[in-house]
Amino acid sequence: MTIETQGSQRTEPVHKLVAASISQDLGFLLAKLHAAGSVLNNRALAEFDLKERSYSILILANSGLEPTQREMADFLSLDPSQIVALVDELEKRGLVVRAPGKQDRRAKTVTATAKGGKVLEQASEAAQRAEAEVLDGLPAEESAQLKTLLRKALWGAGLPG
């Protein structure tokens, strides 16, 4: 994995500091992996004029689950106002549309347009390449196991694959 530090890159781990006890802290490890992944994801998604957050909205809008803006905010752990701004941007680009919710017409569902689906398909390939780069130190089986364990920690057992 390439490590970004204040605009420069290191391709080797910083062995000296890995010996510190913080390298055993789950919160630190998750934050460090997320930070490295965000840099690579945002770089990969830039070609589609997307960032991680707008890409996440587009994925959810294309899921067929008809999520409301509130559900997206809760799921992505973002403030609802952030979701509104992200959806506004995607809507202006013709990638998503809002519609009244089926159960509560005051709630707005967000659905990807055909154009949004095409952009998502291309952006997903770039994001998968970025993910592979972040996890390049793990064999495919361990990468899949890591995702399974994180999903289990977040949402419990018995989730669909």
Protein backbone atom coordinates (compact mmCIF):
# COMPACT_ATOMS: atom_id res chain seq x y z
CA MET A 1 0.00 0.00 0.00
CA THR A 2 1.17 3.51 -0.76
CA ILE A 3 1.01 5.81 2.24
CA GLU A 4 0.20 9.50 1.67
CA THR A 5 1.85 11.96 4.04
CA GLN A 6 1.41 15.71 3.63
CA GLY A 7 1.48 15.57 -0.17
CA SER A 8 4.33 13.06 -0.48
CA GLN A 9 4.11 9.31 -0.87
CA ARG A 10 5.89 6.46 0.86
CA THR A 11 5.76 3.01 -0.62
CA GLU A 12 7.37 1.38 2.43
CA PRO A 13 5.76 1.06 5.85
CA VAL A 14 7.18 3.25 8.61
CA HIS A 15 8.59 0.32 10.59
CA LYS A 16 9.91 2.32 13.53
CA LEU A 17 6.47 3.64 14.51
CA VAL A 18 4.65 0.37 13.87
CA ALA A 19 6.30 -0.83 17.09
CA ALA A 20 4.23 1.68 19.08
CA SER A 21 1.23 0.28 20.97
CA ILE A 22 -1.18 2.39 18.89
CA SER A 23 -0.60 -0.03 16.01
CA GLN A 24 -2.69 -2.53 18.03
CA ASP A 25 -5.61 -0.11 18.51
CA LEU A 26 -8.65 -1.03 16.40
CA GLY A 27 -9.85 2.56 16.07
CA PHE A 28 -6.44 3.68 14.86
CA LEU A 29 -6.15 0.79 12.40
CA LEU A 30 -9.61 1.42 10.96
CA ALA A 31 -8.98 5.15 10.69
CA LYS A 32 -5.59 4.59 9.03
CA LEU A 33 -7.01 2.12 6.51
CA HIS A 34 -9.94 4.43 5.81
CA ALA A 35 -7.66 7.43 5.30
CA ALA A 36 -5.45 5.55 2.86
CA GLY A 37 -8.51 4.16 1.08
CA SER A 38 -10.16 7.57 0.83
CA VAL A 39 -7.15 9.10 -0.86
CA LEU A 40 -7.03 6.31 -3.45
CA ASN A 41 -10.83 6.20 -3.91
CA ASN A 42 -11.13 9.93 -4.42
CA ARG A 43 -8.26 9.88 -6.89
CA ALA A 44 -9.90 7.02 -8.83
CA LEU A 45 -13.35 8.63 -8.75
CA ALA A 46 -12.11 12.08 -9.83
CA GLU A 47 -12.28 11.04 -13.47
CA PHE A 48 -16.08 10.74 -13.01
CA ASP A 49 -16.33 13.98 -11.03
CA LEU A 50 -17.25 11.97 -7.93
CA LYS A 51 -15.85 11.63 -4.42
CA GLU A 52 -16.46 8.86 -1.90
CA ARG A 53 -19.58 10.46 -0.48
CA SER A 54 -21.27 11.22 -3.81
CA TYR A 55 -20.24 7.77 -5.07
CA SER A 56 -21.85 6.21 -1.97
CA ILE A 57 -25.07 8.13 -2.65
CA LEU A 58 -25.04 6.95 -6.26
CA ILE A 59 -24.56 3.32 -5.18
CA LEU A 60 -27.49 3.53 -2.77
CA ALA A 61 -29.66 5.32 -5.34
CA ASN A 62 -28.91 2.54 -7.83
CA SER A 63 -29.56 -0.28 -5.33
CA GLY A 64 -33.25 -0.76 -6.17
CA LEU A 65 -34.05 -0.24 -2.47
CA GLU A 66 -35.52 3.27 -2.97
CA PRO A 67 -33.76 4.79 0.03
CA THR A 68 -34.97 8.07 1.45
CA GLN A 69 -32.54 10.89 2.08
CA ARG A 70 -32.96 10.27 5.83
CA GLU A 71 -32.15 6.57 5.44
CA MET A 72 -29.06 7.49 3.47
CA ALA A 73 -27.98 9.95 6.15
CA ASP A 74 -28.41 7.33 8.88
CA PHE A 75 -26.70 4.57 6.91
CA LEU A 76 -23.73 6.70 5.83
CA SER A 77 -23.45 8.43 9.24
CA LEU A 78 -23.79 11.86 7.64
CA ASP A 79 -25.85 14.87 8.61
CA PRO A 80 -29.06 15.09 6.56
CA SER A 81 -27.97 18.49 5.25
CA GLN A 82 -24.86 16.85 3.77
CA ILE A 83 -27.04 14.31 1.99
CA VAL A 84 -29.23 17.07 0.57
CA ALA A 85 -26.17 18.86 -0.83
CA LEU A 86 -24.76 15.66 -2.32
CA VAL A 87 -28.09 14.69 -3.88
CA ASP A 88 -28.51 18.25 -5.22
CA GLU A 89 -25.16 17.94 -7.00
CA LEU A 90 -25.96 14.50 -8.45
CA GLU A 91 -29.44 15.64 -9.47
CA LYS A 92 -28.04 18.68 -11.32
CA ARG A 93 -25.80 16.32 -13.26
CA GLY A 94 -28.77 14.12 -14.18
CA LEU A 95 -27.44 11.12 -12.25
CA VAL A 96 -30.28 10.81 -9.71
CA VAL A 97 -33.88 11.91 -9.27
CA ARG A 98 -35.90 12.57 -6.14
CA ALA A 99 -39.47 11.36 -5.71
CA PRO A 100 -42.01 11.42 -2.89
CA GLY A 101 -41.75 8.37 -0.65
CA LYS A 102 -44.35 5.62 -1.03
CA GLN A 103 -45.16 5.43 2.70
CA ASP A 104 -44.54 9.07 3.58
CA ARG A 105 -44.89 11.49 0.70
CA ARG A 106 -42.96 14.12 2.66
CA ALA A 107 -39.90 11.88 2.59
CA LYS A 108 -37.88 11.97 -0.62
CA THR A 109 -36.54 8.79 -2.16
CA VAL A 110 -33.46 9.00 -4.35
CA THR A 111 -33.13 6.84 -7.45
CA ALA A 112 -30.37 6.67 -10.04
CA THR A 113 -31.20 7.61 -13.61
CA ALA A 114 -30.02 5.54 -16.58
CA LYS A 115 -27.14 8.01 -16.94
CA GLY A 116 -26.36 7.60 -13.23
CA GLY A 117 -26.31 3.82 -13.64
CA LYS A 118 -23.81 4.08 -16.50
CA VAL A 119 -21.55 6.45 -14.57
CA LEU A 120 -21.79 4.15 -11.54
CA GLU A 121 -20.79 1.12 -13.59
CA GLN A 122 -17.64 2.84 -14.82
CA ALA A 123 -16.84 4.45 -11.46
CA SER A 124 -17.27 1.10 -9.69
CA GLU A 125 -14.50 -0.41 -11.79
CA ALA A 126 -12.18 2.44 -10.77
CA ALA A 127 -13.20 2.10 -7.12
CA GLN A 128 -12.55 -1.64 -7.19
CA ARG A 129 -9.05 -1.01 -8.52
CA ALA A 130 -8.47 1.49 -5.70
CA GLU A 131 -9.73 -1.01 -3.14
CA ALA A 132 -7.41 -3.68 -4.52
CA GLU A 133 -4.51 -1.25 -4.15
CA VAL A 134 -5.41 -0.47 -0.54
CA LEU A 135 -5.65 -4.17 0.29
CA ASP A 136 -2.72 -5.29 -1.85
CA GLY A 137 -1.03 -6.80 1.20
CA LEU A 138 -3.87 -9.30 1.63
CA PRO A 139 -4.68 -12.33 -0.49
CA ALA A 140 -8.20 -12.19 -2.03
CA GLU A 141 -9.53 -14.66 0.55
CA GLU A 142 -8.34 -12.51 3.47
CA SER A 143 -9.70 -9.36 1.84
CA ALA A 144 -13.13 -11.03 1.58
CA GLN A 145 -12.82 -12.24 5.19
CA LEU A 146 -11.97 -8.71 6.36
CA LYS A 147 -15.11 -7.34 4.70
CA THR A 148 -17.22 -10.13 6.21
CA LEU A 149 -15.86 -9.45 9.69
CA LEU A 150 -16.40 -5.69 9.38
CA ARG A 151 -19.99 -6.20 8.19
CA LYS A 152 -20.58 -8.59 11.10
CA ALA A 153 -19.11 -6.09 13.59
CA LEU A 154 -21.28 -3.30 12.19
CA TRP A 155 -24.60 -5.07 11.59
CA GLY A 156 -24.45 -8.50 13.19
CA ALA A 157 -24.52 -12.02 11.82
CA GLY A 158 -26.91 -13.40 9.25
CA LEU A 159 -26.54 -10.64 6.66
CA PRO A 160 -26.75 -11.44 2.98
CA GLY A 161 -23.34 -11.72 1.23
